[in-house]
Protein backbone atom coordinates (compact mmCIF):
# COMPACT_ATOMS: atom_id res chain seq x y z
CA MET A 1 179.49 324.11 28.02
CA LYS A 2 176.88 326.07 29.05
CA SER A 3 174.16 324.19 31.56
CA PRO A 4 170.88 324.15 30.35
CA LEU A 5 169.46 325.48 33.77
CA ILE A 6 167.39 328.40 34.07
CA THR A 7 164.99 330.01 36.55
CA ARG A 8 161.16 330.34 36.12
CA ALA A 9 161.77 334.18 35.70
CA GLY A 10 164.61 333.70 33.26
CA ARG A 11 162.69 331.49 30.93
CA ASP A 12 159.88 334.08 31.08
CA ALA A 13 162.43 336.77 30.07
CA LEU A 14 163.43 334.71 27.16
CA LYS A 15 159.83 333.94 26.03
CA ALA A 16 158.77 337.58 26.52
CA GLU A 17 162.13 338.75 24.32
CA LEU A 18 160.95 336.24 21.41
CA ASP A 19 157.44 337.35 21.80
CA TYR A 20 158.36 340.72 21.13
CA LEU A 21 160.71 340.17 18.71
CA TRP A 22 158.26 338.21 16.56
CA LYS A 23 155.33 339.89 17.14
CA VAL A 24 156.39 343.61 17.14
CA GLU A 25 159.82 344.43 16.09
CA ARG A 26 159.87 342.02 12.84
CA PRO A 27 156.59 343.18 11.34
CA LYS A 28 157.66 346.79 12.20
CA VAL A 29 160.91 346.34 10.51
CA THR A 30 159.45 344.17 7.89
CA GLN A 31 156.84 347.32 6.94
CA ALA A 32 159.74 349.81 6.89
CA VAL A 33 161.90 347.66 4.43
CA SER A 34 158.74 347.12 2.06
CA GLU A 35 158.46 350.97 2.34
CA ALA A 36 162.22 351.69 1.34
CA ALA A 37 162.29 348.96 -0.99
CA ALA A 38 159.19 350.92 -2.89
CA LEU A 39 161.42 354.32 -3.35
CA GLY A 40 162.97 352.53 -6.05
CA ASP A 41 166.60 351.67 -6.43
CA ARG A 42 167.78 349.30 -3.45
CA SER A 43 171.81 349.67 -4.21
CA GLU A 44 171.68 353.21 -2.92
CA ASN A 45 168.83 353.17 -0.47
CA ALA A 46 170.45 353.03 3.13
CA GLU A 47 166.94 352.59 4.89
CA TYR A 48 166.42 349.58 2.81
CA LYS A 49 170.14 348.03 3.46
CA GLU A 50 169.73 348.91 7.38
CA GLY A 51 166.51 347.14 7.44
CA LYS A 52 167.41 344.13 5.73
CA ARG A 53 170.42 344.15 8.38
CA GLN A 54 167.86 344.20 10.92
CA LEU A 55 165.97 341.64 9.89
CA ARG A 56 168.73 339.47 9.47
CA TRP A 57 169.61 340.18 13.25
CA ILE A 58 166.04 339.60 14.63
CA ASP A 59 165.77 336.36 12.39
CA ARG A 60 168.93 335.16 13.97
CA ARG A 61 168.38 336.11 17.58
CA VAL A 62 164.46 334.37 17.13
CA ARG A 63 166.09 331.37 15.76
CA PHE A 64 168.49 331.38 19.13
CA LEU A 65 165.61 331.78 21.27
CA VAL A 66 163.33 329.25 19.63
CA LYS A 67 166.07 327.02 20.16
CA ARG A 68 167.20 327.46 23.66
CA LEU A 69 163.94 327.61 24.70
CA GLU A 70 163.44 324.18 23.59
CA GLU A 71 166.73 322.93 25.38
CA VAL A 72 166.61 324.67 28.99
CA LYS A 73 165.29 323.01 32.05
CA VAL A 74 163.57 325.49 34.61
CA VAL A 75 164.55 324.79 38.17
CA ASP A 76 162.14 325.99 40.48
CA TYR A 77 162.49 326.50 44.47
CA ALA A 78 162.04 323.35 46.45
CA PRO A 79 161.42 323.96 50.52
CA GLU A 80 164.30 320.68 50.57
CA GLN A 81 166.93 323.45 49.46
CA GLU A 82 166.47 325.96 52.29
CA GLY A 83 169.45 326.20 54.56
CA ARG A 84 171.96 324.97 51.65
CA VAL A 85 173.43 326.91 48.56
CA TYR A 86 171.65 325.72 45.47
CA PHE A 87 170.56 326.84 41.84
CA GLY A 88 168.67 330.25 42.23
CA ALA A 89 170.20 330.95 45.58
CA TRP A 90 171.02 334.61 46.35
CA VAL A 91 174.23 334.12 48.60
CA GLU A 92 175.90 336.59 50.99
CA ILE A 93 179.60 335.87 51.00
CA GLU A 94 182.69 337.35 53.17
CA ASN A 95 186.28 337.09 52.70
CA ASP A 96 189.19 337.18 55.21
CA ALA A 97 189.79 341.16 54.59
CA GLY A 98 185.86 341.84 55.48
CA GLU A 99 185.06 342.08 51.85
CA ILE A 100 180.87 341.35 51.37
CA LYS A 101 179.80 340.20 48.41
CA ARG A 102 175.95 339.36 47.45
CA CYS A 103 175.37 337.16 44.40
CA ARG A 104 172.38 335.06 43.10
CA ILE A 105 173.13 331.77 41.07
CA VAL A 106 171.54 331.33 37.83
CA GLY A 107 171.69 330.09 34.55
CA SER A 108 174.07 331.39 31.68
CA ASP A 109 171.15 332.96 29.93
CA GLU A 110 170.24 335.30 32.92
CA ILE A 111 174.02 336.58 33.79
CA ASP A 112 173.76 340.14 34.80
CA THR A 113 176.51 341.81 36.59
CA ASP A 114 174.55 344.58 37.74
CA LEU A 115 172.33 342.31 39.75
CA GLN A 116 174.89 340.50 40.81
CA HIS A 117 173.54 337.19 38.97
CA ILE A 118 176.41 334.82 38.57
CA THR A 119 176.65 331.79 36.16
CA ILE A 120 176.03 328.08 37.70
CA ASP A 121 179.03 327.34 35.79
CA SER A 122 180.92 330.14 37.20
CA PRO A 123 184.16 328.70 39.87
CA MET A 124 182.32 331.14 42.35
CA ALA A 125 178.97 329.26 41.82
CA ARG A 126 180.71 325.51 41.78
CA ALA A 127 182.62 326.32 45.37
CA LEU A 128 179.19 327.76 46.80
CA ILE A 129 177.01 324.65 45.60
CA GLY A 130 175.79 322.41 48.69
CA LYS A 131 177.31 324.89 51.40
CA GLN A 132 175.27 326.26 54.26
CA VAL A 133 175.81 329.35 56.35
CA ASP A 134 179.20 329.52 58.12
CA ASP A 135 180.90 326.74 55.73
CA GLU A 136 183.67 328.00 53.81
CA ALA A 137 183.79 327.90 49.93
CA LEU A 138 187.38 327.66 48.09
CA VAL A 139 187.15 329.26 44.99
CA HIS A 140 190.02 328.59 42.42
CA THR A 141 190.94 331.89 40.62
CA PRO A 142 193.60 332.81 37.73
CA SER A 143 195.35 334.69 40.68
CA GLY A 144 195.15 331.52 42.95
CA PRO A 145 192.64 330.28 45.55
CA LYS A 146 190.33 332.43 47.36
CA VAL A 147 188.30 331.70 50.41
CA TRP A 148 184.94 332.83 51.06
CA TYR A 149 182.77 332.23 53.90
CA ILE A 150 179.12 332.10 53.47
CA ASN A 151 176.93 334.77 55.92
CA ARG A 152 173.60 334.18 54.37
CA ILE A 153 171.58 332.23 52.21
CA GLU A 154 168.02 333.36 50.79
CA TYR A 155 165.85 332.15 47.87
CA THR A 156 164.17 335.77 47.67
CA PRO A 157 166.24 338.80 46.90
CA PHE A 158 167.92 339.98 50.12
CA SER A 159 165.97 342.52 51.97
CA ASP A 160 168.20 345.07 53.77
CA ALA A 161 167.28 343.65 57.15
CA LYS A 162 169.76 340.83 58.18
CA SER A 163 168.38 337.72 59.23
């Protein structure tokens, strides 16, 4: 089950997507469908069929976003979190082989592998929560347990300079 937690930036992104779909994209597609319908025979009209398909997708996504925005709980940074891994933290970890990874613990709506965002529900995040620098985290993976050591914890994106 997905946790309803989300960062403020994540919630703002969902809200921005909802606003864009509802106020910009849907009216544009609705206009295109109306224009395609005015051309006559809808059964052979590819623009009409594609427009209707796009409208259905937009309506499904809008319904999902409205419902999800009602469910999510924004978790903001609190100074008490400093020094430990909690929701929203950027964490640098290292294994015995010297492999270094950086990740940020976020809600399921914010997962982005390009940005190294992992969900709070992942085995890695569950192993890291509550730990501090120099602690080891035992991560249970399908290929067996893996040990990672915590090098850094920050609540802003890592800068290139090490602290």
